[in-house]
Amino acid sequence: MEKEKVESMNKNLGGDKEKMKTKNKTIALEIAVVLCSALLVATLPAAAITNYESGITNYEEAAQEDETLGIYGNANEDDTIDMRDLTYVKLIFFGKKPETELADAKYDGKINPLDFIQIKLIIVGKEKELTLIDSADRIVTVKEPVERIVVFSEALETMRSIKATDRVVGVNKYVIKNKLFFPEFGDYPSVGSVWSPDIEAALALEPDLVFLYATFSVGYCDDIQNKLEAADPGITVLRFDNYRPGDIYVEETKKMGYVLNKVEETEEFLDFYQGYMNTIKERVEELSEEDKKTVYLECWKEWHTATKRAGWGQKLELAGGKNIFAEEPGEYIDVDAEAVIMRNPEIIVWIENKAGGYELDAGDTAVLEGIRDRIMNREVLKHVTAVKNKRVYIITNHIIGGTRNFVGIGYLAKWFYPELFSDLDPKAVHQEYLTRFQGLDIDLDKKGVFVYPEPS
């Protein structure tokens, strides 16, 4: 009996020792956090410390015109994560500023010194995990560093722009078929497509990150995501489109840069992209509604068009066009000749989905000329202003659909307002994109047909 008591006492004592060890570890961790926090504060410039103590910081620019970058750690909710966020979250912690949604860098429901450390780690690219909001409005935590990536969507082209394809282990079947634009991926394992996915092949590649579309083929992508996550809970799925124009593309690219630890490369690419797009945006904004050209956009087949809710309709508006069917319900709709005649567009744009591309010799515009001639010769359109003034233009989906749509938007703007955009050179921008950011040996003076007629 006494032996049992002694054993019980020893057991309890051992348990107490373990509790003490745990408690000591907790205290040590808390001390380490406080010391790290103090060290981080000490690294700030003196002026920033003064402002920090007074609750007014010269780093803070919380109310900005730029879109908010949806990554937890972006405490001041601007378009980047930097020392201003570190300062701002400390001001929140000490009750000097109101709490913001993205200030919880660790995404644990608390604002404390652990968030200081997490933000500092994000800034230097050493975080162990990163929580963000993807384009499907999902809060996703990505374990870092990402080592193996499978791409079902159009993310690959943007990944190449930011020099982040080295960890790709599987791609969709269209990438493999497109040997001219994606030559380095011709022998990569195929995971099918979002419409006919090869789930087993994707799982066999043991990815830790998979890219799927956010708003395109949503049902198919939901099904792929559910099957992958059910089979392997260690797989993280991010939903980005990587083809929608303007601000959404910029935000998606920035998030990819943080996830893939390519922030500097992303900044370089976006300087190029936004410099071009902002030139168009700023000049278009100077136009009054009365000065904007009315445009009939036709795609896929005769009398089929896009409203302002469709991607092609949005691209037309970014170029300064006034879509004659913008306000119709739906996205891609059928219309009749009478409706086009009544609205009497000043410009007609046909989006060609098959002809053209990088395979053709430069100057081989016969097919695009033929398409334009057929539109110009429609008897019902002969009195429409666009036809009478010969302002009918053909553009291929290679540069108005997908990731390269920014090139096509430039062509549209130059067609619509030749005097306003006389110095804009979409072909030169296209060439720089191919050479500098895609690493492709394609000379557009020798290969490629994308528009007809070429803007003057």
Protein backbone atom coordinates (compact mmCIF):
# COMPACT_ATOMS: atom_id res chain seq x y z
CA MET A 1 0.00 0.00 0.00
CA GLU A 2 2.78 2.42 0.97
CA LYS A 3 4.66 1.45 -2.17
CA GLU A 4 1.60 2.42 -4.23
CA LYS A 5 1.40 5.78 -2.42
CA VAL A 6 5.08 6.48 -3.08
CA GLU A 7 4.67 5.58 -6.75
CA SER A 8 1.61 7.80 -6.91
CA MET A 9 3.48 10.68 -5.27
CA ASN A 10 6.39 10.23 -7.67
CA LYS A 11 3.96 10.17 -10.58
CA ASN A 12 2.30 13.37 -9.38
CA LEU A 13 5.67 14.96 -8.79
CA GLY A 14 6.69 14.01 -12.31
CA GLY A 15 3.50 15.57 -13.61
CA ASP A 16 4.19 18.73 -11.64
CA LYS A 17 7.67 18.83 -13.11
CA GLU A 18 6.23 18.57 -16.63
CA LYS A 19 3.76 21.36 -15.84
CA MET A 20 6.60 23.50 -14.54
CA LYS A 21 8.61 22.82 -17.72
CA THR A 22 5.61 23.79 -19.85
CA LYS A 23 5.03 26.92 -17.78
CA ASN A 24 8.70 27.88 -18.03
CA LYS A 25 8.61 27.38 -21.80
CA THR A 26 5.53 29.61 -22.01
CA ILE A 27 7.22 32.31 -19.92
CA ALA A 28 10.34 32.03 -22.07
CA LEU A 29 8.27 32.40 -25.22
CA GLU A 30 6.49 35.45 -23.83
CA ILE A 31 9.82 37.02 -22.90
CA ALA A 32 11.19 36.25 -26.36
CA VAL A 33 8.16 37.86 -27.99
CA VAL A 34 8.52 41.00 -25.88
CA LEU A 35 12.27 41.18 -26.60
CA CYS A 36 11.65 40.73 -30.33
CA SER A 37 9.01 43.42 -30.18
CA ALA A 38 11.43 45.75 -28.43
CA LEU A 39 14.11 44.96 -30.97
CA LEU A 40 11.74 45.72 -33.85
CA VAL A 41 10.81 49.04 -32.30
CA ALA A 42 14.49 49.81 -31.80
CA THR A 43 15.16 49.33 -35.51
CA LEU A 44 12.77 52.13 -36.45
CA PRO A 45 14.16 55.59 -37.24
CA ALA A 46 14.10 58.03 -34.33
CA ALA A 47 11.42 60.20 -35.97
CA ALA A 48 9.19 57.19 -36.36
CA ILE A 49 9.65 56.24 -32.67
CA THR A 50 8.69 59.75 -31.61
CA ASN A 51 5.60 59.67 -33.76
CA TYR A 52 4.86 56.12 -32.62
CA GLU A 53 4.83 57.22 -28.96
CA SER A 54 2.62 60.19 -29.70
CA GLY A 55 0.20 58.14 -31.77
CA ILE A 56 1.02 60.03 -34.97
CA THR A 57 3.34 58.32 -37.43
CA ASN A 58 4.82 59.56 -40.65
CA TYR A 59 4.63 55.98 -41.94
CA GLU A 60 0.88 55.80 -41.73
CA GLU A 61 -1.21 56.44 -44.82
CA ALA A 62 -4.21 54.33 -43.99
CA ALA A 63 -6.68 56.18 -46.21
CA GLN A 64 -5.31 55.72 -49.71
CA GLU A 65 -6.82 55.69 -53.16
CA ASP A 66 -5.09 52.44 -54.08
CA GLU A 67 -6.90 49.13 -53.73
CA THR A 68 -6.43 47.33 -50.43
CA LEU A 69 -4.08 44.37 -50.67
CA GLY A 70 -6.02 41.53 -49.08
CA ILE A 71 -3.23 39.92 -47.07
CA TYR A 72 -3.36 39.61 -43.28
CA GLY A 73 -0.55 41.82 -42.05
CA ASN A 74 -1.58 44.76 -44.22
CA ALA A 75 -2.54 46.62 -41.07
CA ASN A 76 -2.98 50.07 -42.62
CA GLU A 77 -4.91 48.53 -45.53
CA ASP A 78 -3.02 50.12 -48.42
CA ASP A 79 -1.55 48.31 -51.43
CA THR A 80 1.56 46.78 -49.87
CA ILE A 81 3.06 45.35 -46.68
CA ASP A 82 5.94 47.40 -45.30
CA MET A 83 7.21 49.17 -42.18
CA ARG A 84 4.13 51.37 -42.10
CA ASP A 85 2.09 48.25 -41.30
CA LEU A 86 4.46 47.29 -38.51
CA THR A 87 4.09 50.75 -37.00
CA TYR A 88 0.32 50.77 -37.48
CA VAL A 89 -0.28 47.42 -35.77
CA LYS A 90 1.78 48.61 -32.78
CA LEU A 91 -0.41 51.71 -32.58
CA ILE A 92 -3.43 49.40 -32.53
CA PHE A 93 -1.86 47.27 -29.81
CA PHE A 94 -1.25 50.33 -27.59
CA GLY A 95 -4.74 51.73 -28.22
CA LYS A 96 -3.61 54.61 -30.42
CA LYS A 97 -5.41 53.47 -33.58
CA PRO A 98 -8.63 51.54 -34.31
CA GLU A 99 -8.22 47.87 -35.15
CA THR A 100 -8.40 46.97 -38.84
CA GLU A 101 -9.44 43.60 -40.28
CA LEU A 102 -6.07 42.83 -41.84
CA ALA A 103 -4.02 43.86 -38.79
CA ASP A 104 -4.31 40.34 -37.37
CA ALA A 105 -1.22 39.15 -39.25
CA LYS A 106 -1.13 35.78 -37.47
CA TYR A 107 -4.87 35.36 -38.10
CA ASP A 108 -5.49 34.09 -34.58
CA GLY A 109 -8.16 36.56 -33.47
CA LYS A 110 -5.79 38.69 -31.39
CA ILE A 111 -3.61 41.74 -31.89
CA ASN A 112 -0.37 41.21 -29.99
CA PRO A 113 3.42 41.20 -30.45
CA LEU A 114 3.18 37.99 -32.48
CA ASP A 115 1.60 40.11 -35.21
CA PHE A 116 4.59 42.47 -35.05
CA ILE A 117 6.90 39.54 -35.70
CA GLN A 118 4.72 38.12 -38.47
CA ILE A 119 4.65 41.44 -40.34
CA LYS A 120 8.41 41.76 -40.03
CA LEU A 121 8.81 38.21 -41.39
CA ILE A 122 6.49 38.97 -44.31
CA ILE A 123 8.52 42.08 -45.16
CA VAL A 124 11.75 40.06 -45.34
CA GLY A 125 10.09 37.02 -46.96
CA LYS A 126 10.72 34.62 -44.06
CA GLU A 127 7.18 33.91 -42.84
CA LYS A 128 6.18 30.29 -42.20
CA GLU A 129 2.62 30.87 -43.32
CA LEU A 130 0.65 33.62 -45.04
CA THR A 131 -3.09 34.26 -44.77
CA LEU A 132 -4.85 36.10 -47.58
CA ILE A 133 -8.21 36.62 -49.26
CA ASP A 134 -8.27 35.08 -52.73
CA SER A 135 -10.44 36.19 -55.67
CA ALA A 136 -13.21 33.79 -54.69
CA ASP A 137 -13.45 35.77 -51.42
CA ARG A 138 -12.01 32.84 -49.43
CA ILE A 139 -9.66 33.33 -46.48
CA VAL A 140 -6.78 30.95 -47.17
CA THR A 141 -3.63 30.22 -45.17
CA VAL A 142 -0.67 29.10 -47.27
CA LYS A 143 2.18 27.24 -45.61
CA GLU A 144 5.54 28.70 -46.64
CA PRO A 145 7.76 28.18 -48.44
CA VAL A 146 5.72 26.75 -51.33
CA GLU A 147 7.67 23.93 -52.99
CA ARG A 148 5.37 22.12 -55.46
CA ILE A 149 2.72 23.83 -57.58
CA VAL A 150 0.05 22.49 -59.94
CA VAL A 151 -1.63 24.97 -62.28
CA PHE A 152 -5.10 24.29 -63.69
CA SER A 153 -5.80 27.96 -64.54
CA GLU A 154 -4.09 30.78 -66.46
CA ALA A 155 -1.84 31.59 -63.51
CA LEU A 156 1.24 30.19 -65.27
CA GLU A 157 1.72 33.18 -67.58
CA THR A 158 1.68 35.62 -64.68
CA MET A 159 3.98 33.34 -62.68
CA ARG A 160 6.43 33.53 -65.56
CA SER A 161 6.19 37.34 -65.57
CA ILE A 162 7.31 37.40 -61.93
CA LYS A 163 9.98 34.69 -62.39
CA ALA A 164 8.14 32.15 -60.24
CA THR A 165 7.74 28.99 -62.36
CA ASP A 166 10.64 27.02 -60.90
CA ARG A 167 8.39 25.15 -58.47
CA VAL A 168 5.71 24.16 -61.00
CA VAL A 169 5.33 20.36 -61.25
CA GLY A 170 2.13 20.03 -63.32
CA VAL A 171 0.17 22.14 -65.83
CA ASN A 172 -3.09 22.04 -67.75
CA LYS A 173 -3.23 20.32 -71.13
CA TYR A 174 -3.57 23.58 -73.08
CA VAL A 175 -0.18 24.75 -71.83
CA ILE A 176 1.42 21.54 -73.07
CA LYS A 177 -0.24 21.91 -76.50
CA ASN A 178 0.87 25.54 -76.84
CA LYS A 179 4.52 24.74 -77.58
CA LEU A 180 5.18 28.12 -79.20
CA PHE A 181 4.18 30.22 -76.20
CA PHE A 182 5.06 27.70 -73.44
CA PRO A 183 8.02 25.79 -74.93
CA GLU A 184 9.60 24.93 -71.58
CA PHE A 185 6.49 23.11 -70.34
CA GLY A 186 6.00 20.75 -73.30
CA ASP A 187 7.18 17.68 -71.35
CA TYR A 188 5.55 18.52 -68.00
CA PRO A 189 2.90 16.20 -66.56
CA SER A 190 -0.64 17.13 -67.61
CA VAL A 191 -3.46 17.47 -65.08
CA GLY A 192 -6.11 17.84 -67.80
CA SER A 193 -8.28 20.93 -67.72
CA VAL A 194 -10.88 22.43 -65.42
CA TRP A 195 -13.55 20.80 -67.61
CA SER A 196 -11.85 17.40 -67.73
CA PRO A 197 -9.44 17.26 -64.79
CA ASP A 198 -7.12 14.35 -64.08
CA ILE A 199 -7.40 14.35 -60.29
CA GLU A 200 -5.25 11.25 -59.87
CA ALA A 201 -2.43 12.81 -61.90
CA ALA A 202 -2.63 16.00 -59.85
CA LEU A 203 -2.50 14.08 -56.56
CA ALA A 204 0.40 11.95 -57.77
CA LEU A 205 2.46 15.13 -58.18
CA GLU A 206 2.09 15.79 -54.43
CA PRO A 207 1.50 19.53 -54.73
CA ASP A 208 1.33 21.78 -51.70
CA LEU A 209 -0.35 24.54 -53.77
CA VAL A 210 -2.88 24.36 -56.63
CA PHE A 211 -4.12 27.30 -58.69
CA LEU A 212 -7.76 27.28 -59.89
CA TYR A 213 -10.02 29.94 -61.38
CA ALA A 214 -12.11 32.12 -59.07
CA THR A 215 -15.01 33.28 -61.28
CA PHE A 216 -14.60 31.20 -64.45
CA SER A 217 -16.09 27.68 -64.63
CA VAL A 218 -16.89 27.99 -60.94
CA GLY A 219 -18.76 24.68 -60.59
CA TYR A 220 -15.96 22.71 -62.22
CA CYS A 221 -13.32 24.42 -60.09
CA ASP A 222 -15.33 23.88 -56.90
CA ASP A 223 -15.50 20.17 -57.71
CA ILE A 224 -11.74 19.95 -58.34
CA GLN A 225 -10.99 21.80 -55.11
CA ASN A 226 -13.29 19.57 -53.06
CA LYS A 227 -11.77 16.38 -54.47
CA LEU A 228 -8.18 17.51 -53.98
CA GLU A 229 -8.70 18.71 -50.41
CA ALA A 230 -10.66 15.59 -49.48
CA ALA A 231 -7.91 13.33 -50.83
CA ASP A 232 -5.06 15.34 -49.29
CA PRO A 233 -5.80 17.95 -46.59
CA GLY A 234 -2.23 19.17 -46.97
CA ILE A 235 -3.02 20.68 -50.37
CA THR A 236 -3.81 24.40 -50.39
CA VAL A 237 -5.98 25.73 -53.22
CA LEU A 238 -5.83 29.36 -54.30
CA ARG A 239 -8.53 30.77 -56.58
CA PHE A 240 -7.25 33.49 -58.92
CA ASP A 241 -8.43 34.28 -62.45
CA ASN A 242 -5.30 36.01 -63.77
CA TYR A 243 -7.11 37.26 -66.85
CA ARG A 244 -9.56 39.91 -65.67
CA PRO A 245 -8.34 43.39 -66.63
CA GLY A 246 -7.23 46.31 -64.51
CA ASP A 247 -7.15 46.52 -60.72
CA ILE A 248 -8.20 42.92 -60.02
CA TYR A 249 -5.28 41.62 -62.08
CA VAL A 250 -2.88 43.90 -60.22
CA GLU A 251 -4.12 42.69 -56.84
CA GLU A 252 -3.97 39.02 -57.82
CA THR A 253 -0.43 39.46 -59.11
CA LYS A 254 0.68 41.19 -55.91
CA LYS A 255 -0.75 38.39 -53.80
CA MET A 256 1.02 35.80 -55.95
CA GLY A 257 4.24 37.73 -55.46
CA TYR A 258 3.93 37.47 -51.68
CA VAL A 259 2.86 33.81 -51.72
CA LEU A 260 5.73 32.81 -54.02
CA ASN A 261 8.28 35.14 -52.37
CA LYS A 262 8.76 37.17 -55.55
CA VAL A 263 7.81 40.61 -54.27
CA GLU A 264 10.59 42.55 -55.99
CA GLU A 265 10.06 40.76 -59.30
CA THR A 266 6.33 41.47 -59.01
CA GLU A 267 6.98 45.16 -58.44
CA GLU A 268 9.15 45.26 -61.56
CA PHE A 269 6.48 43.62 -63.70
CA LEU A 270 3.65 45.74 -62.33
CA ASP A 271 5.63 48.93 -62.92
CA PHE A 272 5.61 47.94 -66.58
CA TYR A 273 1.97 46.82 -66.63
CA GLN A 274 0.53 49.72 -64.68
CA GLY A 275 2.64 52.30 -66.46
CA TYR A 276 0.97 51.27 -69.72
CA MET A 277 -2.55 50.82 -68.33
CA ASN A 278 -2.46 54.04 -66.32
CA THR A 279 -1.52 56.00 -69.43
CA ILE A 280 -4.69 54.73 -71.10
CA LYS A 281 -6.80 55.24 -67.98
CA GLU A 282 -5.69 58.82 -67.37
CA ARG A 283 -6.33 59.93 -70.93
CA VAL A 284 -9.70 58.19 -71.16
CA GLU A 285 -10.80 59.87 -67.93
CA GLU A 286 -10.33 63.24 -69.62
CA LEU A 287 -13.02 62.40 -72.19
CA SER A 288 -16.55 63.60 -71.62
CA GLU A 289 -19.41 61.16 -72.17
CA GLU A 290 -20.33 63.11 -75.31
CA ASP A 291 -16.80 62.69 -76.68
CA LYS A 292 -16.67 58.93 -76.18
CA LYS A 293 -17.11 56.83 -79.31
CA THR A 294 -20.08 54.49 -79.48
CA VAL A 295 -19.00 50.92 -80.21
CA TYR A 296 -20.69 47.70 -81.30
CA LEU A 297 -18.62 44.74 -80.13
CA GLU A 298 -19.24 41.47 -81.96
CA CYS A 299 -17.75 38.15 -80.91
CA TRP A 300 -17.94 34.46 -81.81
CA LYS A 301 -20.77 34.86 -84.33
CA GLU A 302 -22.90 37.48 -86.08
CA TRP A 303 -25.10 39.59 -83.78
CA HIS A 304 -23.54 38.17 -80.62
CA THR A 305 -22.19 40.80 -78.23
CA ALA A 306 -21.08 41.58 -74.68
CA THR A 307 -22.62 43.84 -72.03
CA LYS A 308 -20.72 45.87 -69.44
CA ARG A 309 -20.83 42.86 -67.09
CA ALA A 310 -18.81 40.67 -69.48
CA GLY A 311 -15.02 40.72 -69.60
CA TRP A 312 -14.84 41.95 -73.18
CA GLY A 313 -17.35 44.68 -72.39
CA GLN A 314 -15.17 45.84 -69.49
CA LYS A 315 -12.09 45.93 -71.71
CA LEU A 316 -13.94 48.04 -74.25
CA GLU A 317 -14.84 50.55 -71.52
CA LEU A 318 -11.25 50.63 -70.22
CA ALA A 319 -10.23 51.71 -73.72
CA GLY A 320 -12.76 54.55 -73.60
CA GLY A 321 -15.47 53.03 -75.76
CA LYS A 322 -19.18 53.50 -75.11
CA ASN A 323 -20.74 50.06 -75.53
CA ILE A 324 -24.10 50.39 -77.31
CA PHE A 325 -25.38 47.29 -75.49
CA ALA A 326 -23.73 47.97 -72.13
CA GLU A 327 -26.95 48.14 -70.13
CA GLU A 328 -28.64 45.03 -71.50
CA PRO A 329 -29.25 42.20 -68.98
CA GLY A 330 -26.79 39.34 -68.89
CA GLU A 331 -23.18 39.16 -70.04
CA TYR A 332 -22.89 37.68 -73.55
CA ILE A 333 -26.12 38.11 -75.48
CA ASP A 334 -27.67 37.79 -78.95
CA VAL A 335 -29.06 40.94 -80.56
CA ASP A 336 -30.67 41.67 -83.90
CA ALA A 337 -29.60 43.82 -86.83
CA GLU A 338 -32.36 46.34 -86.21
CA ALA A 339 -31.08 47.02 -82.69
CA VAL A 340 -27.58 47.70 -84.03
CA ILE A 341 -28.93 49.96 -86.79
CA MET A 342 -31.05 51.96 -84.34
CA ARG A 343 -28.06 52.55 -82.05
CA ASN A 344 -25.90 53.45 -85.08
CA PRO A 345 -22.41 52.78 -83.64
CA GLU A 346 -19.46 54.91 -84.72
CA ILE A 347 -17.14 51.92 -84.47
CA ILE A 348 -17.52 48.15 -84.89
CA VAL A 349 -15.02 45.73 -83.33
CA TRP A 350 -15.01 42.03 -84.16
CA ILE A 351 -13.19 39.72 -81.72
CA GLU A 352 -11.72 36.79 -83.65
CA ASN A 353 -11.37 33.61 -81.61
CA LYS A 354 -9.62 31.31 -84.12
CA ALA A 355 -7.55 33.06 -86.78
CA GLY A 356 -4.34 34.99 -86.21
CA GLY A 357 -1.68 34.44 -83.60
CA TYR A 358 2.05 33.88 -83.27
CA GLU A 359 2.22 31.11 -85.88
CA LEU A 360 1.48 33.43 -88.82
CA ASP A 361 4.11 35.48 -90.58
CA ALA A 362 3.84 39.17 -89.80
CA GLY A 363 1.83 40.86 -92.52
CA ASP A 364 -0.19 37.74 -93.40
CA THR A 365 -3.49 39.44 -92.67
CA ALA A 366 -5.58 37.80 -95.42
CA VAL A 367 -7.93 35.97 -93.06
CA LEU A 368 -8.53 39.03 -90.88
CA GLU A 369 -9.07 41.16 -93.99
CA GLY A 370 -11.68 38.68 -95.17
CA ILE A 371 -13.56 38.88 -91.85
CA ARG A 372 -13.56 42.67 -92.03
CA ASP A 373 -14.78 42.63 -95.64
CA ARG A 374 -17.72 40.40 -94.71
CA ILE A 375 -18.78 42.82 -91.98
CA MET A 376 -18.35 45.83 -94.26
CA ASN A 377 -20.43 44.12 -96.96
CA ARG A 378 -23.43 43.23 -94.78
CA GLU A 379 -26.27 44.86 -96.61
CA VAL A 380 -28.14 45.71 -93.41
CA LEU A 381 -25.16 47.68 -92.09
CA LYS A 382 -24.43 49.81 -95.13
CA HIS A 383 -25.98 52.96 -93.60
CA VAL A 384 -24.39 52.50 -90.16
CA THR A 385 -21.83 55.20 -89.38
CA ALA A 386 -19.03 52.72 -88.57
CA VAL A 387 -19.34 51.08 -91.99
CA LYS A 388 -19.75 54.33 -93.92
CA ASN A 389 -16.60 55.71 -92.29
CA LYS A 390 -14.76 52.38 -92.60
CA ARG A 391 -14.17 52.20 -88.86
CA VAL A 392 -14.48 48.43 -88.58
CA TYR A 393 -11.65 46.68 -86.75
CA ILE A 394 -10.62 43.06 -86.15
CA ILE A 395 -8.72 41.95 -83.04
CA THR A 396 -7.79 38.40 -82.09
CA ASN A 397 -8.42 36.75 -78.77
CA HIS A 398 -4.66 36.23 -78.30
CA ILE A 399 -4.34 39.85 -77.12
CA ILE A 400 -7.83 40.81 -75.96
CA GLY A 401 -8.72 37.65 -74.03
CA GLY A 402 -6.61 36.01 -71.36
CA THR A 403 -3.66 37.51 -69.53
CA ARG A 404 -2.44 39.60 -72.50
CA ASN A 405 -5.66 41.62 -72.70
CA PHE A 406 -3.75 44.77 -71.71
CA VAL A 407 -2.08 44.72 -75.14
CA GLY A 408 -5.47 44.57 -76.86
CA ILE A 409 -6.89 47.37 -74.73
CA GLY A 410 -4.12 49.57 -76.08
CA TYR A 411 -5.06 48.72 -79.66
CA LEU A 412 -8.71 49.54 -78.95
CA ALA A 413 -7.79 52.89 -77.41
CA LYS A 414 -5.60 53.76 -80.38
CA TRP A 415 -8.37 52.84 -82.86
CA PHE A 416 -10.99 54.78 -80.92
CA TYR A 417 -8.92 57.93 -80.37
CA PRO A 418 -5.94 58.01 -82.78
CA GLU A 419 -5.01 61.60 -81.96
CA LEU A 420 -5.25 61.12 -78.20
CA PHE A 421 -3.05 58.02 -78.37
CA SER A 422 -0.73 58.92 -81.22
CA ASP A 423 2.32 58.13 -79.07
CA LEU A 424 0.99 54.81 -77.74
CA ASP A 425 2.68 51.77 -79.30
CA PRO A 426 0.84 48.56 -78.34
CA LYS A 427 3.08 46.47 -80.57
CA ALA A 428 6.21 47.69 -78.76
CA VAL A 429 4.58 46.96 -75.40
CA HIS A 430 3.61 43.50 -76.64
CA GLN A 431 7.21 42.88 -77.76
CA GLU A 432 8.66 44.01 -74.44
CA TYR A 433 6.24 41.77 -72.58
CA LEU A 434 7.23 38.74 -74.65
CA THR A 435 10.97 39.36 -74.43
CA ARG A 436 11.46 40.85 -70.98
CA PHE A 437 8.79 39.14 -68.92
CA GLN A 438 7.90 35.95 -70.80
CA GLY A 439 11.45 35.15 -71.91
CA LEU A 440 10.30 34.25 -75.43
CA ASP A 441 12.32 34.57 -78.62
CA ILE A 442 9.46 35.89 -80.76
CA ASP A 443 10.15 38.83 -83.05
CA LEU A 444 6.85 40.56 -83.81
CA ASP A 445 8.38 42.18 -86.90
CA LYS A 446 8.63 38.67 -88.32
CA LYS A 447 5.93 36.59 -86.64
CA GLY A 448 2.42 37.25 -85.42
CA VAL A 449 -0.86 38.69 -86.68
CA PHE A 450 -3.27 40.09 -84.09
CA VAL A 451 -5.19 43.06 -85.51
CA TYR A 452 -6.49 44.46 -88.77
CA PRO A 453 -6.07 47.13 -89.87
CA GLU A 454 -2.99 48.21 -87.95
CA PRO A 455 -3.63 51.56 -86.23
CA SER A 456 -1.74 54.44 -87.75
